[in-house]
Amino acid sequence: EGFTPLSDPEDGNVDIVVVTGLGGHALGSFRSADGTKVWPRDFAPNEIPRARFVTYGYDTAV
């Protein structure tokens, strides 16, 4: 639970917090179909290189 950094560029100028919905998982909800890539870690930083991406994990059980 809590914040997990996914990218942390030295020249970062914005923070983007990725939060899953109810019943989701902080990383699993954003994995590719084959399970090898996580969107906010492996793809988003290429599109927004000066952004620091973090995910927030919490108890999502309803």
PDB file of N, CA and C in Angstrom:
ATOM      1  N   GLU A   1       0.832  -1.179   0.000  1.00  0.00           N
ATOM      2  CA  GLU A   1       0.000   0.000   0.000  1.00  0.00           C
ATOM      3  C   GLU A   1       0.876   1.241   0.000  1.00  0.00           C
ATOM      4  N   GLY A   2       0.344   2.316  -0.508  1.00  0.00           N
ATOM      5  CA  GLY A   2       1.080   3.570  -0.565  1.00  0.00           C
ATOM      6  C   GLY A   2       1.612   3.838  -1.956  1.00  0.00           C
ATOM      7  N   PHE A   3       2.517   4.794  -2.043  1.00  0.00           N
ATOM      8  CA  PHE A   3       3.064   5.226  -3.327  1.00  0.00           C
ATOM      9  C   PHE A   3       4.228   4.344  -3.760  1.00  0.00           C
ATOM     10  N   THR A   4       4.258   4.014  -5.060  1.00  0.00           N
ATOM     11  CA  THR A   4       5.361   3.274  -5.667  1.00  0.00           C
ATOM     12  C   THR A   4       5.831   4.066  -6.874  1.00  0.00           C
ATOM     13  N   PRO A   5       7.088   4.565  -6.872  1.00  0.00           N
ATOM     14  CA  PRO A   5       7.592   5.294  -8.030  1.00  0.00           C
ATOM     15  C   PRO A   5       7.777   4.357  -9.223  1.00  0.00           C
ATOM     16  N   LEU A   6       7.367   4.815 -10.392  1.00  0.00           N
ATOM     17  CA  LEU A   6       7.524   4.041 -11.617  1.00  0.00           C
ATOM     18  C   LEU A   6       8.532   4.677 -12.559  1.00  0.00           C
ATOM     19  N   SER A   7       8.685   5.980 -12.489  1.00  0.00           N
ATOM     20  CA  SER A   7       9.718   6.701 -13.236  1.00  0.00           C
ATOM     21  C   SER A   7      10.049   7.953 -12.437  1.00  0.00           C
ATOM     22  N   ASP A   8      11.301   8.360 -12.492  1.00  0.00           N
ATOM     23  CA  ASP A   8      11.737   9.506 -11.684  1.00  0.00           C
ATOM     24  C   ASP A   8      12.845  10.268 -12.419  1.00  0.00           C
ATOM     25  N   PRO A   9      12.487  10.997 -13.479  1.00  0.00           N
ATOM     26  CA  PRO A   9      13.505  11.725 -14.240  1.00  0.00           C
ATOM     27  C   PRO A   9      14.127  12.848 -13.403  1.00  0.00           C
ATOM     28  N   GLU A  10      15.425  13.068 -13.588  1.00  0.00           N
ATOM     29  CA  GLU A  10      16.119  14.125 -12.843  1.00  0.00           C
ATOM     30  C   GLU A  10      15.556  15.502 -13.144  1.00  0.00           C
ATOM     31  N   ASP A  11      15.105  15.716 -14.374  1.00  0.00           N
ATOM     32  CA  ASP A  11      14.578  17.029 -14.759  1.00  0.00           C
ATOM     33  C   ASP A  11      13.046  17.054 -14.736  1.00  0.00           C
ATOM     34  N   GLY A  12      12.443  16.185 -13.941  1.00  0.00           N
ATOM     35  CA  GLY A  12      10.985  16.111 -13.874  1.00  0.00           C
ATOM     36  C   GLY A  12      10.371  17.415 -13.388  1.00  0.00           C
ATOM     37  N   ASN A  13       9.241  17.777 -13.993  1.00  0.00           N
ATOM     38  CA  ASN A  13       8.569  19.014 -13.597  1.00  0.00           C
ATOM     39  C   ASN A  13       7.080  18.823 -13.309  1.00  0.00           C
ATOM     40  N   VAL A  14       6.629  17.568 -13.305  1.00  0.00           N
ATOM     41  CA  VAL A  14       5.229  17.282 -13.000  1.00  0.00           C
ATOM     42  C   VAL A  14       5.140  15.873 -12.410  1.00  0.00           C
ATOM     43  N   ASP A  15       4.220  15.691 -11.480  1.00  0.00           N
ATOM     44  CA  ASP A  15       3.958  14.372 -10.904  1.00  0.00           C
ATOM     45  C   ASP A  15       2.623  13.869 -11.424  1.00  0.00           C
ATOM     46  N   ILE A  16       2.602  12.619 -11.863  1.00  0.00           N
ATOM     47  CA  ILE A  16       1.365  11.987 -12.307  1.00  0.00           C
ATOM     48  C   ILE A  16       1.146  10.758 -11.438  1.00  0.00           C
ATOM     49  N   VAL A  17       0.032  10.754 -10.720  1.00  0.00           N
ATOM     50  CA  VAL A  17      -0.305   9.646  -9.829  1.00  0.00           C
ATOM     51  C   VAL A  17      -1.352   8.781 -10.517  1.00  0.00           C
ATOM     52  N   VAL A  18      -1.046   7.507 -10.671  1.00  0.00           N
ATOM     53  CA  VAL A  18      -1.938   6.556 -11.320  1.00  0.00           C
ATOM     54  C   VAL A  18      -2.628   5.745 -10.225  1.00  0.00           C
ATOM     55  N   VAL A  19      -3.959   5.779 -10.222  1.00  0.00           N
ATOM     56  CA  VAL A  19      -4.733   5.092  -9.184  1.00  0.00           C
ATOM     57  C   VAL A  19      -5.709   4.131  -9.853  1.00  0.00           C
ATOM     58  N   THR A  20      -5.723   2.900  -9.400  1.00  0.00           N
ATOM     59  CA  THR A  20      -6.640   1.906  -9.945  1.00  0.00           C
ATOM     60  C   THR A  20      -8.038   2.077  -9.354  1.00  0.00           C
ATOM     61  N   GLY A  21      -8.994   1.460  -9.977  1.00  0.00           N
ATOM     62  CA  GLY A  21     -10.360   1.503  -9.463  1.00  0.00           C
ATOM     63  C   GLY A  21     -10.597   0.439  -8.403  1.00  0.00           C
ATOM     64  N   LEU A  22     -11.814   0.373  -7.903  1.00  0.00           N
ATOM     65  CA  LEU A  22     -12.168  -0.622  -6.895  1.00  0.00           C
ATOM     66  C   LEU A  22     -11.971  -2.025  -7.449  1.00  0.00           C
ATOM     67  N   GLY A  23     -11.399  -2.896  -6.645  1.00  0.00           N
ATOM     68  CA  GLY A  23     -11.161  -4.276  -7.062  1.00  0.00           C
ATOM     69  C   GLY A  23      -9.930  -4.441  -7.926  1.00  0.00           C
ATOM     70  N   GLY A  24      -9.185  -3.357  -8.158  1.00  0.00           N
ATOM     71  CA  GLY A  24      -8.002  -3.418  -9.007  1.00  0.00           C
ATOM     72  C   GLY A  24      -6.724  -3.620  -8.221  1.00  0.00           C
ATOM     73  N   HIS A  25      -5.609  -3.563  -8.926  1.00  0.00           N
ATOM     74  CA  HIS A  25      -4.281  -3.729  -8.335  1.00  0.00           C
ATOM     75  C   HIS A  25      -3.399  -2.592  -8.826  1.00  0.00           C
ATOM     76  N   ALA A  26      -2.540  -2.073  -7.953  1.00  0.00           N
ATOM     77  CA  ALA A  26      -1.718  -0.899  -8.266  1.00  0.00           C
ATOM     78  C   ALA A  26      -0.888  -1.071  -9.532  1.00  0.00           C
ATOM     79  N   LEU A  27      -0.380  -2.259  -9.807  1.00  0.00           N
ATOM     80  CA  LEU A  27       0.370  -2.508 -11.038  1.00  0.00           C
ATOM     81  C   LEU A  27      -0.389  -3.431 -11.985  1.00  0.00           C
ATOM     82  N   GLY A  28      -1.004  -4.458 -11.447  1.00  0.00           N
ATOM     83  CA  GLY A  28      -1.682  -5.451 -12.282  1.00  0.00           C
ATOM     84  C   GLY A  28      -2.765  -4.882 -13.174  1.00  0.00           C
ATOM     85  N   SER A  29      -3.431  -3.847 -12.726  1.00  0.00           N
ATOM     86  CA  SER A  29      -4.498  -3.241 -13.530  1.00  0.00           C
ATOM     87  C   SER A  29      -3.972  -2.581 -14.795  1.00  0.00           C
ATOM     88  N   PHE A  30      -2.683  -2.306 -14.831  1.00  0.00           N
ATOM     89  CA  PHE A  30      -2.098  -1.586 -15.960  1.00  0.00           C
ATOM     90  C   PHE A  30      -1.126  -2.452 -16.760  1.00  0.00           C
ATOM     91  N   ARG A  31      -1.124  -3.768 -16.533  1.00  0.00           N
ATOM     92  CA  ARG A  31      -0.225  -4.681 -17.252  1.00  0.00           C
ATOM     93  C   ARG A  31      -0.753  -4.981 -18.651  1.00  0.00           C
ATOM     94  N   SER A  32       0.192  -5.268 -19.542  1.00  0.00           N
ATOM     95  CA  SER A  32      -0.168  -5.689 -20.894  1.00  0.00           C
ATOM     96  C   SER A  32      -0.766  -7.093 -20.838  1.00  0.00           C
ATOM     97  N   ALA A  33      -1.388  -7.509 -21.916  1.00  0.00           N
ATOM     98  CA  ALA A  33      -2.044  -8.814 -21.958  1.00  0.00           C
ATOM     99  C   ALA A  33      -1.074  -9.956 -21.658  1.00  0.00           C
ATOM    100  N   ASP A  34       0.184  -9.821 -22.092  1.00  0.00           N
ATOM    101  CA  ASP A  34       1.158 -10.889 -21.832  1.00  0.00           C
ATOM    102  C   ASP A  34       1.839 -10.740 -20.469  1.00  0.00           C
ATOM    103  N   GLY A  35       1.513  -9.673 -19.730  1.00  0.00           N
ATOM    104  CA  GLY A  35       2.019  -9.489 -18.378  1.00  0.00           C
ATOM    105  C   GLY A  35       3.431  -8.951 -18.254  1.00  0.00           C
ATOM    106  N   THR A  36       4.049  -8.590 -19.376  1.00  0.00           N
ATOM    107  CA  THR A  36       5.454  -8.171 -19.324  1.00  0.00           C
ATOM    108  C   THR A  36       5.649  -6.667 -19.219  1.00  0.00           C
ATOM    109  N   LYS A  37       4.649  -5.897 -19.543  1.00  0.00           N
ATOM    110  CA  LYS A  37       4.769  -4.435 -19.540  1.00  0.00           C
ATOM    111  C   LYS A  37       3.702  -3.820 -18.642  1.00  0.00           C
ATOM    112  N   VAL A  38       4.057  -2.701 -18.042  1.00  0.00           N
ATOM    113  CA  VAL A  38       3.125  -1.928 -17.220  1.00  0.00           C
ATOM    114  C   VAL A  38       3.048  -0.541 -17.846  1.00  0.00           C
ATOM    115  N   TRP A  39       1.855  -0.150 -18.292  1.00  0.00           N
ATOM    116  CA  TRP A  39       1.687   1.077 -19.068  1.00  0.00           C
ATOM    117  C   TRP A  39       2.349   2.300 -18.437  1.00  0.00           C
ATOM    118  N   PRO A  40       2.070   2.653 -17.160  1.00  0.00           N
ATOM    119  CA  PRO A  40       2.656   3.892 -16.636  1.00  0.00           C
ATOM    120  C   PRO A  40       4.156   3.797 -16.358  1.00  0.00           C
ATOM    121  N   ARG A  41       4.726   2.622 -16.407  1.00  0.00           N
ATOM    122  CA  ARG A  41       6.166   2.457 -16.204  1.00  0.00           C
ATOM    123  C   ARG A  41       6.913   2.331 -17.531  1.00  0.00           C
ATOM    124  N   ASP A  42       6.349   1.568 -18.473  1.00  0.00           N
ATOM    125  CA  ASP A  42       7.077   1.212 -19.687  1.00  0.00           C
ATOM    126  C   ASP A  42       6.718   2.033 -20.919  1.00  0.00           C
ATOM    127  N   PHE A  43       5.570   2.684 -20.938  1.00  0.00           N
ATOM    128  CA  PHE A  43       5.153   3.429 -22.123  1.00  0.00           C
ATOM    129  C   PHE A  43       4.951   4.921 -21.869  1.00  0.00           C
ATOM    130  N   ALA A  44       4.227   5.268 -20.823  1.00  0.00           N
ATOM    131  CA  ALA A  44       3.892   6.673 -20.565  1.00  0.00           C
ATOM    132  C   ALA A  44       5.114   7.581 -20.423  1.00  0.00           C
ATOM    133  N   PRO A  45       6.199   7.151 -19.752  1.00  0.00           N
ATOM    134  CA  PRO A  45       7.367   8.041 -19.639  1.00  0.00           C
ATOM    135  C   PRO A  45       7.985   8.408 -20.993  1.00  0.00           C
ATOM    136  N   ASN A  46       7.803   7.572 -21.997  1.00  0.00           N
ATOM    137  CA  ASN A  46       8.302   7.904 -23.335  1.00  0.00           C
ATOM    138  C   ASN A  46       7.494   9.033 -23.958  1.00  0.00           C
ATOM    139  N   GLU A  47       6.220   9.105 -23.606  1.00  0.00           N
ATOM    140  CA  GLU A  47       5.338  10.141 -24.139  1.00  0.00           C
ATOM    141  C   GLU A  47       5.451  11.453 -23.364  1.00  0.00           C
ATOM    142  N   ILE A  48       5.725  11.368 -22.074  1.00  0.00           N
ATOM    143  CA  ILE A  48       5.842  12.556 -21.215  1.00  0.00           C
ATOM    144  C   ILE A  48       7.140  12.403 -20.411  1.00  0.00           C
ATOM    145  N   PRO A  49       8.284  12.628 -21.034  1.00  0.00           N
ATOM    146  CA  PRO A  49       9.572  12.297 -20.409  1.00  0.00           C
ATOM    147  C   PRO A  49       9.915  13.085 -19.153  1.00  0.00           C
ATOM    148  N   ARG A  50       9.344  14.250 -18.947  1.00  0.00           N
ATOM    149  CA  ARG A  50       9.674  15.042 -17.758  1.00  0.00           C
ATOM    150  C   ARG A  50       8.674  14.842 -16.628  1.00  0.00           C
ATOM    151  N   ALA A  51       7.829  13.836 -16.764  1.00  0.00           N
ATOM    152  CA  ALA A  51       6.851  13.532 -15.717  1.00  0.00           C
ATOM    153  C   ALA A  51       7.373  12.415 -14.824  1.00  0.00           C
ATOM    154  N   ARG A  52       7.131  12.564 -13.545  1.00  0.00           N
ATOM    155  CA  ARG A  52       7.427  11.499 -12.592  1.00  0.00           C
ATOM    156  C   ARG A  52       6.130  10.729 -12.400  1.00  0.00           C
ATOM    157  N   PHE A  53       6.137   9.447 -12.731  1.00  0.00           N
ATOM    158  CA  PHE A  53       4.959   8.600 -12.593  1.00  0.00           C
ATOM    159  C   PHE A  53       5.055   7.788 -11.314  1.00  0.00           C
ATOM    160  N   VAL A  54       3.987   7.811 -10.534  1.00  0.00           N
ATOM    161  CA  VAL A  54       3.880   6.971  -9.341  1.00  0.00           C
ATOM    162  C   VAL A  54       2.506   6.315  -9.357  1.00  0.00           C
ATOM    163  N   THR A  55       2.421   5.153  -8.770  1.00  0.00           N
ATOM    164  CA  THR A  55       1.123   4.509  -8.605  1.00  0.00           C
ATOM    165  C   THR A  55       0.800   4.493  -7.123  1.00  0.00           C
ATOM    166  N   TYR A  56      -0.476   4.471  -6.821  1.00  0.00           N
ATOM    167  CA  TYR A  56      -0.905   4.450  -5.429  1.00  0.00           C
ATOM    168  C   TYR A  56      -1.673   3.163  -5.176  1.00  0.00           C
ATOM    169  N   GLY A  57      -1.153   2.351  -4.281  1.00  0.00           N
ATOM    170  CA  GLY A  57      -1.815   1.104  -3.921  1.00  0.00           C
ATOM    171  C   GLY A  57      -2.617   1.275  -2.643  1.00  0.00           C
ATOM    172  N   TYR A  58      -3.787   0.679  -2.615  1.00  0.00           N
ATOM    173  CA  TYR A  58      -4.644   0.741  -1.430  1.00  0.00           C
ATOM    174  C   TYR A  58      -5.543  -0.489  -1.419  1.00  0.00           C
ATOM    175  N   ASP A  59      -6.178  -0.762  -0.313  1.00  0.00           N
ATOM    176  CA  ASP A  59      -7.090  -1.891  -0.199  1.00  0.00           C
ATOM    177  C   ASP A  59      -8.324  -1.592  -1.039  1.00  0.00           C
ATOM    178  N   THR A  60      -8.465  -2.315  -2.151  1.00  0.00           N
ATOM    179  CA  THR A  60      -9.551  -2.031  -3.087  1.00  0.00           C
ATOM    180  C   THR A  60     -10.762  -2.936  -2.889  1.00  0.00           C
ATOM    181  N   ALA A  61     -10.706  -3.802  -1.891  1.00  0.00           N
ATOM    182  CA  ALA A  61     -11.838  -4.709  -1.650  1.00  0.00           C
ATOM    183  C   ALA A  61     -13.081  -3.904  -1.280  1.00  0.00           C
ATOM    184  N   VAL A  62     -14.192  -4.339  -1.829  1.00  0.00           N
ATOM    185  CA  VAL A  62     -15.456  -3.654  -1.554  1.00  0.00           C
ATOM    186  C   VAL A  62     -16.262  -4.484  -0.577  1.00  0.00           C
TER     187      VAL A  62
END
